[in-house]
PDB file of N, CA and C in Angstrom:
ATOM      1  N   MET A   1      80.542  32.400 110.239  1.00  0.00           N
ATOM      2  CA  MET A   1      79.682  33.581 109.891  1.00  0.00           C
ATOM      3  C   MET A   1      78.322  32.707 109.453  1.00  0.00           C
ATOM      4  N   ARG A   2      77.233  33.445 109.915  1.00  0.00           N
ATOM      5  CA  ARG A   2      75.871  32.909 109.595  1.00  0.00           C
ATOM      6  C   ARG A   2      75.571  33.152 108.144  1.00  0.00           C
ATOM      7  N   PRO A   3      74.678  32.176 107.365  1.00  0.00           N
ATOM      8  CA  PRO A   3      74.286  32.478 106.122  1.00  0.00           C
ATOM      9  C   PRO A   3      73.514  33.629 105.770  1.00  0.00           C
ATOM     10  N   THR A   4      72.764  34.290 106.957  1.00  0.00           N
ATOM     11  CA  THR A   4      72.027  35.588 106.710  1.00  0.00           C
ATOM     12  C   THR A   4      73.138  36.695 106.505  1.00  0.00           C
ATOM     13  N   THR A   5      74.140  36.635 107.535  1.00  0.00           N
ATOM     14  CA  THR A   5      75.078  37.646 107.332  1.00  0.00           C
ATOM     15  C   THR A   5      75.851  37.525 106.127  1.00  0.00           C
ATOM     16  N   ILE A   6      76.205  36.581 105.632  1.00  0.00           N
ATOM     17  CA  ILE A   6      76.946  36.315 104.272  1.00  0.00           C
ATOM     18  C   ILE A   6      75.909  37.072 103.217  1.00  0.00           C
ATOM     19  N   LEU A   7      74.610  36.757 103.365  1.00  0.00           N
ATOM     20  CA  LEU A   7      73.451  37.211 102.252  1.00  0.00           C
ATOM     21  C   LEU A   7      73.537  38.777 102.299  1.00  0.00           C
ATOM     22  N   LEU A   8      73.505  39.222 103.601  1.00  0.00           N
ATOM     23  CA  LEU A   8      73.373  40.705 103.632  1.00  0.00           C
ATOM     24  C   LEU A   8      74.723  41.299 103.262  1.00  0.00           C
ATOM     25  N   LEU A   9      75.784  40.955 103.571  1.00  0.00           N
ATOM     26  CA  LEU A   9      76.985  41.330 103.033  1.00  0.00           C
ATOM     27  C   LEU A   9      77.239  41.436 101.456  1.00  0.00           C
ATOM     28  N   ALA A  10      76.859  40.348 100.893  1.00  0.00           N
ATOM     29  CA  ALA A  10      76.717  40.418  99.414  1.00  0.00           C
ATOM     30  C   ALA A  10      75.908  41.176  98.962  1.00  0.00           C
ATOM     31  N   ALA A  11      74.625  41.380  99.349  1.00  0.00           N
ATOM     32  CA  ALA A  11      73.733  42.155  98.818  1.00  0.00           C
ATOM     33  C   ALA A  11      74.000  43.725  98.795  1.00  0.00           C
ATOM     34  N   ALA A  12      74.781  44.026  99.956  1.00  0.00           N
ATOM     35  CA  ALA A  12      75.430  45.383 100.268  1.00  0.00           C
ATOM     36  C   ALA A  12      76.366  45.564  99.260  1.00  0.00           C
ATOM     37  N   ALA A  13      77.274  44.605  99.323  1.00  0.00           N
ATOM     38  CA  ALA A  13      78.433  44.972  98.144  1.00  0.00           C
ATOM     39  C   ALA A  13      78.026  44.903  96.798  1.00  0.00           C
ATOM     40  N   ALA A  14      77.056  44.313  96.451  1.00  0.00           N
ATOM     41  CA  ALA A  14      76.475  44.264  95.114  1.00  0.00           C
ATOM     42  C   ALA A  14      75.659  45.537  94.716  1.00  0.00           C
ATOM     43  N   THR A  15      75.117  46.119  95.516  1.00  0.00           N
ATOM     44  CA  THR A  15      74.210  47.205  95.324  1.00  0.00           C
ATOM     45  C   THR A  15      75.082  48.684  95.295  1.00  0.00           C
ATOM     46  N   PRO A  16      75.094  49.201  93.896  1.00  0.00           N
ATOM     47  CA  PRO A  16      75.908  50.384  93.779  1.00  0.00           C
ATOM     48  C   PRO A  16      75.131  51.625  94.367  1.00  0.00           C
ATOM     49  N   THR A  17      75.872  52.574  95.067  1.00  0.00           N
ATOM     50  CA  THR A  17      75.307  53.715  95.584  1.00  0.00           C
ATOM     51  C   THR A  17      75.797  54.972  94.465  1.00  0.00           C
ATOM     52  N   VAL A  18      74.679  55.720  94.072  1.00  0.00           N
ATOM     53  CA  VAL A  18      75.224  56.854  93.275  1.00  0.00           C
ATOM     54  C   VAL A  18      75.468  58.101  94.269  1.00  0.00           C
ATOM     55  N   ALA A  19      74.831  58.232  95.180  1.00  0.00           N
ATOM     56  CA  ALA A  19      74.695  59.593  96.050  1.00  0.00           C
ATOM     57  C   ALA A  19      75.971  59.474  96.832  1.00  0.00           C
ATOM     58  N   GLY A  20      76.739  60.472  97.150  1.00  0.00           N
ATOM     59  CA  GLY A  20      77.799  60.399  97.959  1.00  0.00           C
ATOM     60  C   GLY A  20      77.541  61.431  99.245  1.00  0.00           C
ATOM     61  N   PRO A  21      76.741  60.993 100.045  1.00  0.00           N
ATOM     62  CA  PRO A  21      76.474  61.926 101.240  1.00  0.00           C
ATOM     63  C   PRO A  21      77.780  62.017 102.132  1.00  0.00           C
ATOM     64  N   LEU A  22      78.776  61.190 102.347  1.00  0.00           N
ATOM     65  CA  LEU A  22      80.048  61.172 102.914  1.00  0.00           C
ATOM     66  C   LEU A  22      80.708  62.417 102.275  1.00  0.00           C
ATOM     67  N   ALA A  23      80.875  62.200 101.248  1.00  0.00           N
ATOM     68  CA  ALA A  23      81.703  63.268 100.253  1.00  0.00           C
ATOM     69  C   ALA A  23      81.058  64.568 100.317  1.00  0.00           C
ATOM     70  N   TYR A  24      79.748  64.712 100.218  1.00  0.00           N
ATOM     71  CA  TYR A  24      79.182  66.046 100.184  1.00  0.00           C
ATOM     72  C   TYR A  24      79.294  66.745 101.662  1.00  0.00           C
ATOM     73  N   GLY A  25      79.276  65.923 102.681  1.00  0.00           N
ATOM     74  CA  GLY A  25      79.490  66.338 103.936  1.00  0.00           C
ATOM     75  C   GLY A  25      80.876  66.868 104.270  1.00  0.00           C
ATOM     76  N   ILE A  26      82.047  66.192 103.661  1.00  0.00           N
ATOM     77  CA  ILE A  26      83.369  66.520 103.722  1.00  0.00           C
ATOM     78  C   ILE A  26      83.530  67.755 102.777  1.00  0.00           C
ATOM     79  N   CYS A  27      82.896  67.787 101.810  1.00  0.00           N
ATOM     80  CA  CYS A  27      82.894  68.970 100.816  1.00  0.00           C
ATOM     81  C   CYS A  27      82.553  70.362 101.546  1.00  0.00           C
ATOM     82  N   GLN A  28      81.316  70.126 102.245  1.00  0.00           N
ATOM     83  CA  GLN A  28      80.892  71.188 103.092  1.00  0.00           C
ATOM     84  C   GLN A  28      81.617  71.646 104.231  1.00  0.00           C
ATOM     85  N   THR A  29      82.073  70.806 104.661  1.00  0.00           N
ATOM     86  CA  THR A  29      83.085  71.096 105.870  1.00  0.00           C
ATOM     87  C   THR A  29      84.323  71.972 105.173  1.00  0.00           C
ATOM     88  N   GLY A  30      84.813  71.514 104.383  1.00  0.00           N
ATOM     89  CA  GLY A  30      85.888  72.187 103.530  1.00  0.00           C
ATOM     90  C   GLY A  30      85.521  73.804 103.199  1.00  0.00           C
ATOM     91  N   CYS A  31      84.344  73.837 102.750  1.00  0.00           N
ATOM     92  CA  CYS A  31      83.729  75.160 102.352  1.00  0.00           C
ATOM     93  C   CYS A  31      83.672  76.072 103.737  1.00  0.00           C
ATOM     94  N   ASN A  32      83.255  75.196 104.663  1.00  0.00           N
ATOM     95  CA  ASN A  32      83.181  76.164 106.046  1.00  0.00           C
ATOM     96  C   ASN A  32      84.541  76.510 106.619  1.00  0.00           C
ATOM     97  N   PHE A  33      85.325  75.866 106.396  1.00  0.00           N
ATOM     98  CA  PHE A  33      86.650  76.051 106.899  1.00  0.00           C
ATOM     99  C   PHE A  33      87.181  77.381 106.050  1.00  0.00           C
ATOM    100  N   LEU A  34      87.038  77.303 104.654  1.00  0.00           N
ATOM    101  CA  LEU A  34      87.493  78.405 103.989  1.00  0.00           C
ATOM    102  C   LEU A  34      86.804  79.788 104.354  1.00  0.00           C
ATOM    103  N   ALA A  35      85.504  79.469 104.628  1.00  0.00           N
ATOM    104  CA  ALA A  35      84.497  80.886 105.007  1.00  0.00           C
ATOM    105  C   ALA A  35      85.187  81.354 106.317  1.00  0.00           C
ATOM    106  N   VAL A  36      85.492  80.573 107.246  1.00  0.00           N
ATOM    107  CA  VAL A  36      85.856  80.836 108.538  1.00  0.00           C
ATOM    108  C   VAL A  36      87.313  81.750 108.376  1.00  0.00           C
ATOM    109  N   ALA A  37      88.170  81.245 107.422  1.00  0.00           N
ATOM    110  CA  ALA A  37      89.515  81.682 107.293  1.00  0.00           C
ATOM    111  C   ALA A  37      89.205  83.043 106.663  1.00  0.00           C
ATOM    112  N   CYS A  38      88.304  83.083 105.700  1.00  0.00           N
ATOM    113  CA  CYS A  38      88.071  84.309 105.031  1.00  0.00           C
ATOM    114  C   CYS A  38      87.638  85.447 105.901  1.00  0.00           C
ATOM    115  N   TYR A  39      86.662  85.046 106.810  1.00  0.00           N
ATOM    116  CA  TYR A  39      86.008  85.913 107.792  1.00  0.00           C
ATOM    117  C   TYR A  39      87.302  86.480 108.727  1.00  0.00           C
ATOM    118  N   GLY A  40      88.072  85.497 109.181  1.00  0.00           N
ATOM    119  CA  GLY A  40      89.097  85.689 110.051  1.00  0.00           C
ATOM    120  C   GLY A  40      90.172  86.862 109.358  1.00  0.00           C
ATOM    121  N   ALA A  41      90.430  86.544 108.008  1.00  0.00           N
ATOM    122  CA  ALA A  41      91.268  87.536 107.420  1.00  0.00           C
ATOM    123  C   ALA A  41      90.692  88.899 107.243  1.00  0.00           C
ATOM    124  N   ALA A  42      89.265  89.008 107.055  1.00  0.00           N
ATOM    125  CA  ALA A  42      88.779  90.326 107.117  1.00  0.00           C
ATOM    126  C   ALA A  42      88.529  90.993 108.531  1.00  0.00           C
ATOM    127  N   GLY A  43      88.875  90.369 109.475  1.00  0.00           N
ATOM    128  CA  GLY A  43      88.793  90.815 110.919  1.00  0.00           C
ATOM    129  C   GLY A  43      87.643  90.725 111.622  1.00  0.00           C
ATOM    130  N   PHE A  44      86.763  89.561 111.142  1.00  0.00           N
ATOM    131  CA  PHE A  44      85.484  89.352 111.874  1.00  0.00           C
ATOM    132  C   PHE A  44      85.370  87.848 112.236  1.00  0.00           C
ATOM    133  N   THR A  45      84.577  87.518 113.036  1.00  0.00           N
ATOM    134  CA  THR A  45      84.054  86.221 113.522  1.00  0.00           C
ATOM    135  C   THR A  45      83.029  85.586 112.602  1.00  0.00           C
ATOM    136  N   PHE A  46      83.131  84.352 112.151  1.00  0.00           N
ATOM    137  CA  PHE A  46      82.182  83.709 111.246  1.00  0.00           C
ATOM    138  C   PHE A  46      81.040  83.429 112.289  1.00  0.00           C
ATOM    139  N   GLY A  47      79.829  83.754 111.769  1.00  0.00           N
ATOM    140  CA  GLY A  47      78.768  83.298 112.698  1.00  0.00           C
ATOM    141  C   GLY A  47      77.995  84.505 113.457  1.00  0.00           C
ATOM    142  N   VAL A  48      78.789  85.453 113.624  1.00  0.00           N
ATOM    143  CA  VAL A  48      78.528  86.778 114.470  1.00  0.00           C
ATOM    144  C   VAL A  48      77.554  87.594 113.638  1.00  0.00           C
ATOM    145  N   THR A  49      76.559  87.908 114.042  1.00  0.00           N
ATOM    146  CA  THR A  49      75.543  88.668 113.291  1.00  0.00           C
ATOM    147  C   THR A  49      76.015  90.263 113.387  1.00  0.00           C
ATOM    148  N   ILE A  50      76.052  90.847 112.353  1.00  0.00           N
ATOM    149  CA  ILE A  50      76.623  92.311 112.189  1.00  0.00           C
ATOM    150  C   ILE A  50      75.573  93.050 111.297  1.00  0.00           C
ATOM    151  N   VAL A  51      75.202  94.212 111.656  1.00  0.00           N
ATOM    152  CA  VAL A  51      74.179  95.001 111.262  1.00  0.00           C
ATOM    153  C   VAL A  51      74.280  95.335 109.711  1.00  0.00           C
ATOM    154  N   ALA A  52      75.468  95.826 109.308  1.00  0.00           N
ATOM    155  CA  ALA A  52      75.929  96.224 107.823  1.00  0.00           C
ATOM    156  C   ALA A  52      76.907  95.638 107.427  1.00  0.00           C
ATOM    157  N   ALA A  53      77.074  94.527 106.453  1.00  0.00           N
ATOM    158  CA  ALA A  53      78.118  93.671 106.180  1.00  0.00           C
ATOM    159  C   ALA A  53      79.118  94.340 105.290  1.00  0.00           C
ATOM    160  N   PRO A  54      80.381  94.500 105.583  1.00  0.00           N
ATOM    161  CA  PRO A  54      81.313  95.348 104.748  1.00  0.00           C
ATOM    162  C   PRO A  54      81.600  94.417 103.398  1.00  0.00           C
ATOM    163  N   PRO A  55      81.890  95.056 102.281  1.00  0.00           N
ATOM    164  CA  PRO A  55      82.299  94.193 101.143  1.00  0.00           C
ATOM    165  C   PRO A  55      83.048  92.972 101.427  1.00  0.00           C
ATOM    166  N   ALA A  56      84.021  93.051 102.256  1.00  0.00           N
ATOM    167  CA  ALA A  56      84.843  91.775 102.389  1.00  0.00           C
ATOM    168  C   ALA A  56      84.020  90.779 102.811  1.00  0.00           C
ATOM    169  N   ILE A  57      82.984  90.940 103.810  1.00  0.00           N
ATOM    170  CA  ILE A  57      82.090  89.865 104.322  1.00  0.00           C
ATOM    171  C   ILE A  57      81.162  89.316 103.172  1.00  0.00           C
ATOM    172  N   MET A  58      80.789  90.250 102.421  1.00  0.00           N
ATOM    173  CA  MET A  58      79.923  89.873 101.378  1.00  0.00           C
ATOM    174  C   MET A  58      80.606  88.876 100.198  1.00  0.00           C
ATOM    175  N   ALA A  59      81.656  89.317  99.995  1.00  0.00           N
ATOM    176  CA  ALA A  59      82.770  88.440  99.268  1.00  0.00           C
ATOM    177  C   ALA A  59      82.935  87.133  99.878  1.00  0.00           C
ATOM    178  N   CYS A  60      83.310  87.123 101.144  1.00  0.00           N
ATOM    179  CA  CYS A  60      83.327  85.655 101.747  1.00  0.00           C
ATOM    180  C   CYS A  60      81.975  84.947 101.459  1.00  0.00           C
ATOM    181  N   ASN A  61      80.841  85.501 101.659  1.00  0.00           N
ATOM    182  CA  ASN A  61      79.359  84.792 101.658  1.00  0.00           C
ATOM    183  C   ASN A  61      79.373  84.321 100.254  1.00  0.00           C
ATOM    184  N   ALA A  62      79.756  85.093  99.168  1.00  0.00           N
ATOM    185  CA  ALA A  62      79.729  84.828  97.838  1.00  0.00           C
ATOM    186  C   ALA A  62      80.492  83.436  97.505  1.00  0.00           C
ATOM    187  N   GLY A  63      81.598  83.633  98.021  1.00  0.00           N
ATOM    188  CA  GLY A  63      82.393  82.370  97.769  1.00  0.00           C
ATOM    189  C   GLY A  63      82.091  81.213  98.392  1.00  0.00           C
ATOM    190  N   LEU A  64      81.485  81.251  99.822  1.00  0.00           N
ATOM    191  CA  LEU A  64      80.896  80.273 100.452  1.00  0.00           C
ATOM    192  C   LEU A  64      79.669  79.593  99.735  1.00  0.00           C
ATOM    193  N   GLY A  65      78.795  80.563  99.130  1.00  0.00           N
ATOM    194  CA  GLY A  65      77.665  80.165  98.238  1.00  0.00           C
ATOM    195  C   GLY A  65      78.131  79.335  97.098  1.00  0.00           C
ATOM    196  N   THR A  66      79.177  79.838  96.356  1.00  0.00           N
ATOM    197  CA  THR A  66      79.716  79.192  95.118  1.00  0.00           C
ATOM    198  C   THR A  66      80.348  77.707  95.455  1.00  0.00           C
ATOM    199  N   CYS A  67      81.077  77.798  96.773  1.00  0.00           N
ATOM    200  CA  CYS A  67      81.436  76.420  97.122  1.00  0.00           C
ATOM    201  C   CYS A  67      80.583  75.555  97.304  1.00  0.00           C
ATOM    202  N   MET A  68      79.507  75.829  98.162  1.00  0.00           N
ATOM    203  CA  MET A  68      78.369  74.885  98.509  1.00  0.00           C
ATOM    204  C   MET A  68      77.698  74.434  97.213  1.00  0.00           C
ATOM    205  N   ALA A  69      77.469  75.303  96.361  1.00  0.00           N
ATOM    206  CA  ALA A  69      76.884  74.951  95.039  1.00  0.00           C
ATOM    207  C   ALA A  69      77.830  73.933  94.269  1.00  0.00           C
ATOM    208  N   ALA A  70      79.003  74.104  94.430  1.00  0.00           N
ATOM    209  CA  ALA A  70      80.069  73.105  93.703  1.00  0.00           C
ATOM    210  C   ALA A  70      79.954  71.777  94.382  1.00  0.00           C
ATOM    211  N   CYS A  71      79.757  71.873  95.676  1.00  0.00           N
ATOM    212  CA  CYS A  71      79.663  70.664  96.523  1.00  0.00           C
ATOM    213  C   CYS A  71      78.333  69.847  96.056  1.00  0.00           C
ATOM    214  N   ALA A  72      77.274  70.577  96.059  1.00  0.00           N
ATOM    215  CA  ALA A  72      76.043  69.999  95.514  1.00  0.00           C
ATOM    216  C   ALA A  72      76.077  69.279  94.032  1.00  0.00           C
ATOM    217  N   ALA A  73      76.651  70.182  93.163  1.00  0.00           N
ATOM    218  CA  ALA A  73      76.818  69.662  91.850  1.00  0.00           C
ATOM    219  C   ALA A  73      77.721  68.647  91.574  1.00  0.00           C
ATOM    220  N   THR A  74      78.733  68.255  92.461  1.00  0.00           N
ATOM    221  CA  THR A  74      79.583  67.364  92.208  1.00  0.00           C
ATOM    222  C   THR A  74      79.516  66.119  93.161  1.00  0.00           C
ATOM    223  N   ALA A  75      79.857  66.371  94.448  1.00  0.00           N
ATOM    224  CA  ALA A  75      79.923  65.479  95.468  1.00  0.00           C
ATOM    225  C   ALA A  75      78.675  64.569  95.807  1.00  0.00           C
ATOM    226  N   LEU A  76      77.458  65.114  95.452  1.00  0.00           N
ATOM    227  CA  LEU A  76      76.292  64.438  95.589  1.00  0.00           C
ATOM    228  C   LEU A  76      76.190  63.256  94.543  1.00  0.00           C
ATOM    229  N   LEU A  77      76.955  63.583  93.446  1.00  0.00           N
ATOM    230  CA  LEU A  77      76.916  62.516  92.364  1.00  0.00           C
ATOM    231  C   LEU A  77      77.921  61.602  92.497  1.00  0.00           C
ATOM    232  N   ALA A  78      78.998  61.712  93.272  1.00  0.00           N
ATOM    233  CA  ALA A  78      80.240  60.941  93.345  1.00  0.00           C
ATOM    234  C   ALA A  78      79.783  59.304  94.007  1.00  0.00           C
ATOM    235  N   PRO A  79      80.186  58.400  93.224  1.00  0.00           N
ATOM    236  CA  PRO A  79      80.085  57.029  93.540  1.00  0.00           C
ATOM    237  C   PRO A  79      80.599  56.746  94.931  1.00  0.00           C
ATOM    238  N   THR A  80      79.873  56.057  95.861  1.00  0.00           N
ATOM    239  CA  THR A  80      80.256  55.800  97.247  1.00  0.00           C
ATOM    240  C   THR A  80      80.250  54.311  97.213  1.00  0.00           C
ATOM    241  N   PRO A  81      81.468  53.578  97.726  1.00  0.00           N
ATOM    242  CA  PRO A  81      81.292  52.149  97.527  1.00  0.00           C
ATOM    243  C   PRO A  81      80.459  51.602  98.718  1.00  0.00           C
TER     244      PRO A  81
END
């Protein structure tokens, strides 16, 4: 191995990362899976525009927003090696 490669690997390993973009992406994906399941249980397709959203869809949207906010509050601060 070349000395520059060893130096770069050592620097990367020694630098702690505070943000967790990978954890955040995984968390958001989980939220979206739950939203799709919620829409499906209500008899609708996630992502299709409807004129007047029934209460079940509004509840799904509120749940999605809460889940996404929780991802931003927790997963972005998770340490990533």
